[in-house]
């Protein structure tokens, strides 16, 4: 299976429930609003958590396990990590799993 390669970090969230107003950057705990810095910020935190997760995997038996993985990976970056989204968002025009 080929991984989806995104051309950019831009998130499409018309009502700005997950992005800063007048921005395509996801609201984050570090309050980074510059698109390049936000990408690096997410990459830095998630890469470390991913390395940890490889050593102590979370087995997937249900949706709650998938949410636990999402929370583990993104807990340092987003307040909403591990939660169901309230709206559909897309990255560089590619939709994520619909709600």
N, C-alpha and C. Protein backbone atom coordinates (compact mmCIF):
# COMPACT_ATOMS: atom_id res chain seq x y z
N UNK A 1 0.84 -1.18 0.00
CA UNK A 1 0.00 0.00 0.00
C UNK A 1 0.89 1.25 0.00
N UNK A 2 0.62 2.16 -0.88
CA UNK A 2 1.42 3.37 -1.01
C UNK A 2 0.92 4.42 -0.02
N UNK A 3 1.87 5.04 0.70
CA UNK A 3 1.51 6.11 1.63
C UNK A 3 1.11 7.35 0.86
N UNK A 4 0.14 8.06 1.39
CA UNK A 4 -0.30 9.32 0.79
C UNK A 4 0.75 10.39 1.06
N UNK A 5 1.27 10.98 0.03
CA UNK A 5 2.27 12.04 0.16
C UNK A 5 1.57 13.38 -0.01
N UNK A 6 1.68 14.24 0.98
CA UNK A 6 1.04 15.54 0.93
C UNK A 6 2.01 16.57 0.40
N UNK A 7 1.49 17.48 -0.40
CA UNK A 7 2.33 18.53 -0.96
C UNK A 7 2.59 19.64 0.05
N UNK A 8 1.82 19.69 1.11
CA UNK A 8 1.99 20.75 2.08
C UNK A 8 1.35 20.40 3.40
N UNK A 9 1.48 21.30 4.32
CA UNK A 9 0.95 21.11 5.66
C UNK A 9 -0.45 21.69 5.81
N UNK A 10 -0.93 22.40 4.82
CA UNK A 10 -2.16 23.17 4.93
C UNK A 10 -3.38 22.29 5.17
N UNK A 11 -4.13 22.65 6.22
CA UNK A 11 -5.37 21.95 6.55
C UNK A 11 -6.55 22.81 6.13
N UNK A 12 -7.56 22.17 5.56
CA UNK A 12 -8.76 22.87 5.13
C UNK A 12 -9.84 22.63 6.18
N UNK A 13 -10.21 23.68 6.86
CA UNK A 13 -11.19 23.66 7.95
C UNK A 13 -11.98 24.96 7.86
N UNK A 14 -13.02 25.00 7.00
CA UNK A 14 -13.71 26.25 6.70
C UNK A 14 -14.23 27.01 7.92
N UNK A 15 -14.64 26.34 8.96
CA UNK A 15 -15.19 27.02 10.14
C UNK A 15 -14.15 27.24 11.24
N UNK A 16 -12.91 26.87 10.98
CA UNK A 16 -11.79 27.07 11.90
C UNK A 16 -12.04 26.50 13.30
N UNK A 17 -12.57 25.29 13.35
CA UNK A 17 -12.71 24.62 14.64
C UNK A 17 -11.39 24.01 15.08
N UNK A 18 -10.53 23.68 14.11
CA UNK A 18 -9.24 23.06 14.42
C UNK A 18 -8.06 23.88 13.94
N UNK A 19 -8.33 24.92 13.18
CA UNK A 19 -7.25 25.77 12.67
C UNK A 19 -7.39 27.18 13.22
N UNK A 20 -6.26 27.90 13.22
CA UNK A 20 -6.29 29.30 13.65
C UNK A 20 -7.11 30.12 12.65
N UNK A 21 -7.80 31.17 13.12
CA UNK A 21 -8.57 32.02 12.20
C UNK A 21 -7.70 32.55 11.07
N UNK A 22 -8.26 32.56 9.87
CA UNK A 22 -7.54 33.04 8.68
C UNK A 22 -6.24 32.30 8.45
N UNK A 23 -6.21 31.02 8.79
CA UNK A 23 -4.99 30.23 8.68
C UNK A 23 -5.35 28.80 8.30
N UNK A 24 -4.36 28.05 7.84
CA UNK A 24 -4.54 26.63 7.55
C UNK A 24 -3.71 25.79 8.53
N UNK A 25 -3.22 26.42 9.60
CA UNK A 25 -2.40 25.74 10.61
C UNK A 25 -3.30 25.24 11.73
N UNK A 26 -3.11 23.97 12.12
CA UNK A 26 -3.87 23.41 13.22
C UNK A 26 -3.52 24.10 14.53
N UNK A 27 -4.54 24.36 15.35
CA UNK A 27 -4.32 24.95 16.67
C UNK A 27 -3.51 23.96 17.49
N UNK A 28 -2.40 24.43 18.04
CA UNK A 28 -1.50 23.52 18.74
C UNK A 28 -1.13 24.06 20.11
N UNK A 29 -0.64 23.18 20.97
CA UNK A 29 -0.32 23.54 22.35
C UNK A 29 0.82 24.55 22.45
N UNK A 30 1.69 24.58 21.46
CA UNK A 30 2.81 25.51 21.47
C UNK A 30 2.44 26.86 20.86
N UNK A 31 1.21 26.96 20.33
CA UNK A 31 0.70 28.18 19.72
C UNK A 31 1.57 28.65 18.54
N UNK A 32 2.08 27.69 17.79
CA UNK A 32 2.88 27.98 16.60
C UNK A 32 1.91 28.24 15.45
N UNK A 33 1.99 29.41 14.85
CA UNK A 33 1.07 29.76 13.77
C UNK A 33 1.73 29.81 12.39
N UNK A 34 3.04 29.84 12.35
CA UNK A 34 3.77 29.82 11.08
C UNK A 34 3.71 28.40 10.51
N UNK A 35 3.33 28.28 9.25
CA UNK A 35 3.08 26.97 8.67
C UNK A 35 4.32 26.06 8.67
N UNK A 36 5.48 26.61 8.36
CA UNK A 36 6.71 25.80 8.34
C UNK A 36 7.11 25.37 9.76
N UNK A 37 6.99 26.29 10.70
CA UNK A 37 7.31 25.98 12.09
C UNK A 37 6.33 24.97 12.67
N UNK A 38 5.06 25.08 12.30
CA UNK A 38 4.05 24.14 12.79
C UNK A 38 4.36 22.73 12.29
N UNK A 39 4.76 22.61 11.03
CA UNK A 39 5.14 21.31 10.47
C UNK A 39 6.31 20.73 11.24
N UNK A 40 7.35 21.53 11.48
CA UNK A 40 8.53 21.06 12.22
C UNK A 40 8.17 20.70 13.65
N UNK A 41 7.32 21.51 14.27
CA UNK A 41 6.89 21.27 15.64
C UNK A 41 6.20 19.91 15.75
N UNK A 42 5.22 19.67 14.88
CA UNK A 42 4.51 18.40 14.89
C UNK A 42 5.48 17.25 14.64
N UNK A 43 6.33 17.41 13.64
CA UNK A 43 7.28 16.35 13.29
C UNK A 43 8.20 16.01 14.48
N UNK A 44 8.70 17.02 15.15
CA UNK A 44 9.61 16.82 16.28
C UNK A 44 8.96 15.98 17.39
N UNK A 45 7.78 16.40 17.82
CA UNK A 45 7.11 15.70 18.91
C UNK A 45 6.62 14.31 18.50
N UNK A 46 6.02 14.21 17.33
CA UNK A 46 5.44 12.93 16.91
C UNK A 46 6.53 11.90 16.60
N UNK A 47 7.63 12.32 16.04
CA UNK A 47 8.72 11.38 15.75
C UNK A 47 9.24 10.72 17.02
N UNK A 48 9.39 11.50 18.08
CA UNK A 48 9.84 10.93 19.35
C UNK A 48 8.82 9.94 19.89
N UNK A 49 7.55 10.33 19.88
CA UNK A 49 6.50 9.43 20.37
C UNK A 49 6.41 8.18 19.51
N UNK A 50 6.60 8.31 18.21
CA UNK A 50 6.55 7.15 17.32
C UNK A 50 7.66 6.17 17.65
N UNK A 51 8.86 6.68 17.93
CA UNK A 51 9.97 5.81 18.32
C UNK A 51 9.64 5.06 19.61
N UNK A 52 9.04 5.76 20.57
CA UNK A 52 8.63 5.12 21.83
C UNK A 52 7.57 4.05 21.57
N UNK A 53 6.61 4.36 20.71
CA UNK A 53 5.52 3.44 20.41
C UNK A 53 6.02 2.17 19.73
N UNK A 54 7.09 2.29 18.98
CA UNK A 54 7.66 1.10 18.34
C UNK A 54 8.21 0.13 19.37
N UNK A 55 8.69 0.68 20.50
CA UNK A 55 9.23 -0.17 21.56
C UNK A 55 8.13 -0.79 22.42
N UNK A 56 7.03 -0.07 22.57
CA UNK A 56 5.91 -0.56 23.37
C UNK A 56 4.62 -0.28 22.59
N UNK A 57 4.32 -1.19 21.69
CA UNK A 57 3.19 -1.01 20.78
C UNK A 57 1.84 -1.09 21.51
N UNK A 58 0.88 -0.39 20.95
CA UNK A 58 -0.51 -0.49 21.40
C UNK A 58 -1.20 -1.39 20.38
N UNK A 59 -1.68 -2.54 20.82
CA UNK A 59 -2.34 -3.46 19.91
C UNK A 59 -3.73 -2.94 19.57
N UNK A 60 -4.12 -3.14 18.32
CA UNK A 60 -5.40 -2.62 17.85
C UNK A 60 -6.43 -3.74 17.81
N UNK A 61 -7.42 -3.59 18.68
CA UNK A 61 -8.56 -4.51 18.73
C UNK A 61 -9.87 -3.77 18.47
N UNK A 62 -9.84 -2.45 18.64
CA UNK A 62 -11.07 -1.67 18.48
C UNK A 62 -10.71 -0.23 18.15
N UNK A 63 -11.75 0.54 17.91
CA UNK A 63 -11.56 1.96 17.61
C UNK A 63 -10.93 2.69 18.80
N UNK A 64 -11.23 2.26 20.00
CA UNK A 64 -10.64 2.92 21.18
C UNK A 64 -9.12 2.76 21.19
N UNK A 65 -8.61 1.66 20.64
CA UNK A 65 -7.16 1.48 20.53
C UNK A 65 -6.56 2.44 19.51
N UNK A 66 -7.27 2.67 18.42
CA UNK A 66 -6.80 3.62 17.40
C UNK A 66 -6.77 5.02 17.98
N UNK A 67 -7.80 5.37 18.74
CA UNK A 67 -7.82 6.68 19.39
C UNK A 67 -6.68 6.79 20.42
N UNK A 68 -6.36 5.70 21.10
CA UNK A 68 -5.25 5.71 22.07
C UNK A 68 -3.92 5.94 21.36
N UNK A 69 -3.76 5.34 20.19
CA UNK A 69 -2.52 5.55 19.41
C UNK A 69 -2.45 7.01 18.97
N UNK A 70 -3.55 7.54 18.46
CA UNK A 70 -3.58 8.94 18.04
C UNK A 70 -3.24 9.86 19.21
N UNK A 71 -3.83 9.57 20.37
CA UNK A 71 -3.54 10.38 21.55
C UNK A 71 -2.07 10.27 21.94
N UNK A 72 -1.53 9.08 21.92
CA UNK A 72 -0.12 8.91 22.30
C UNK A 72 0.79 9.69 21.36
N UNK A 73 0.54 9.59 20.07
CA UNK A 73 1.40 10.26 19.10
C UNK A 73 1.31 11.79 19.14
N UNK A 74 0.11 12.31 19.33
CA UNK A 74 -0.11 13.75 19.18
C UNK A 74 -0.37 14.48 20.49
N UNK A 75 -0.24 13.81 21.63
CA UNK A 75 -0.57 14.41 22.92
C UNK A 75 0.24 15.66 23.26
N UNK A 76 1.44 15.76 22.77
CA UNK A 76 2.29 16.92 23.06
C UNK A 76 1.96 18.12 22.19
N UNK A 77 1.19 17.88 21.12
CA UNK A 77 0.96 18.92 20.12
C UNK A 77 -0.47 19.46 20.13
N UNK A 78 -1.45 18.58 20.25
CA UNK A 78 -2.85 19.01 20.10
C UNK A 78 -3.69 18.63 21.31
N UNK A 79 -4.49 19.56 21.79
CA UNK A 79 -5.37 19.32 22.94
C UNK A 79 -6.44 18.27 22.60
N UNK A 80 -6.77 18.13 21.35
CA UNK A 80 -7.83 17.21 20.92
C UNK A 80 -7.30 15.85 20.48
N UNK A 81 -6.06 15.55 20.75
CA UNK A 81 -5.50 14.26 20.33
C UNK A 81 -6.29 13.12 20.97
N UNK A 82 -6.51 12.07 20.20
CA UNK A 82 -7.21 10.90 20.71
C UNK A 82 -8.71 11.06 20.81
N UNK A 83 -9.24 12.14 20.26
CA UNK A 83 -10.69 12.38 20.30
C UNK A 83 -11.25 12.32 18.88
N UNK A 84 -12.52 11.98 18.80
CA UNK A 84 -13.19 12.06 17.51
C UNK A 84 -13.30 13.53 17.11
N UNK A 85 -13.08 13.82 15.82
CA UNK A 85 -13.24 15.18 15.33
C UNK A 85 -14.72 15.54 15.27
N UNK A 86 -14.99 16.83 15.36
CA UNK A 86 -16.36 17.33 15.29
C UNK A 86 -16.71 17.74 13.86
N UNK A 87 -15.70 17.91 13.01
CA UNK A 87 -15.91 18.29 11.61
C UNK A 87 -14.94 17.51 10.74
N UNK A 88 -15.25 17.43 9.46
CA UNK A 88 -14.33 16.82 8.52
C UNK A 88 -13.28 17.86 8.13
N UNK A 89 -12.02 17.45 8.14
CA UNK A 89 -10.95 18.33 7.67
C UNK A 89 -10.15 17.58 6.63
N UNK A 90 -9.38 18.30 5.85
CA UNK A 90 -8.52 17.67 4.86
C UNK A 90 -7.15 18.34 4.89
N UNK A 91 -6.18 17.61 4.41
CA UNK A 91 -4.81 18.11 4.36
C UNK A 91 -4.41 18.20 2.89
N UNK A 92 -4.05 19.40 2.48
CA UNK A 92 -3.68 19.65 1.09
C UNK A 92 -4.76 19.15 0.13
N UNK A 93 -6.03 19.27 0.53
CA UNK A 93 -7.13 18.86 -0.31
C UNK A 93 -7.48 17.39 -0.23
N UNK A 94 -6.72 16.60 0.54
CA UNK A 94 -7.00 15.17 0.71
C UNK A 94 -7.75 14.95 2.02
N UNK A 95 -8.99 14.46 1.94
CA UNK A 95 -9.78 14.31 3.17
C UNK A 95 -9.24 13.20 4.06
N UNK A 96 -9.37 13.43 5.37
CA UNK A 96 -9.07 12.39 6.36
C UNK A 96 -10.31 11.52 6.49
N UNK A 97 -10.22 10.48 7.29
CA UNK A 97 -11.38 9.62 7.52
C UNK A 97 -12.56 10.49 7.95
N UNK A 98 -13.67 10.34 7.26
CA UNK A 98 -14.85 11.15 7.57
C UNK A 98 -15.41 10.80 8.92
N UNK A 99 -16.08 11.79 9.53
CA UNK A 99 -16.70 11.55 10.83
C UNK A 99 -18.10 10.99 10.64
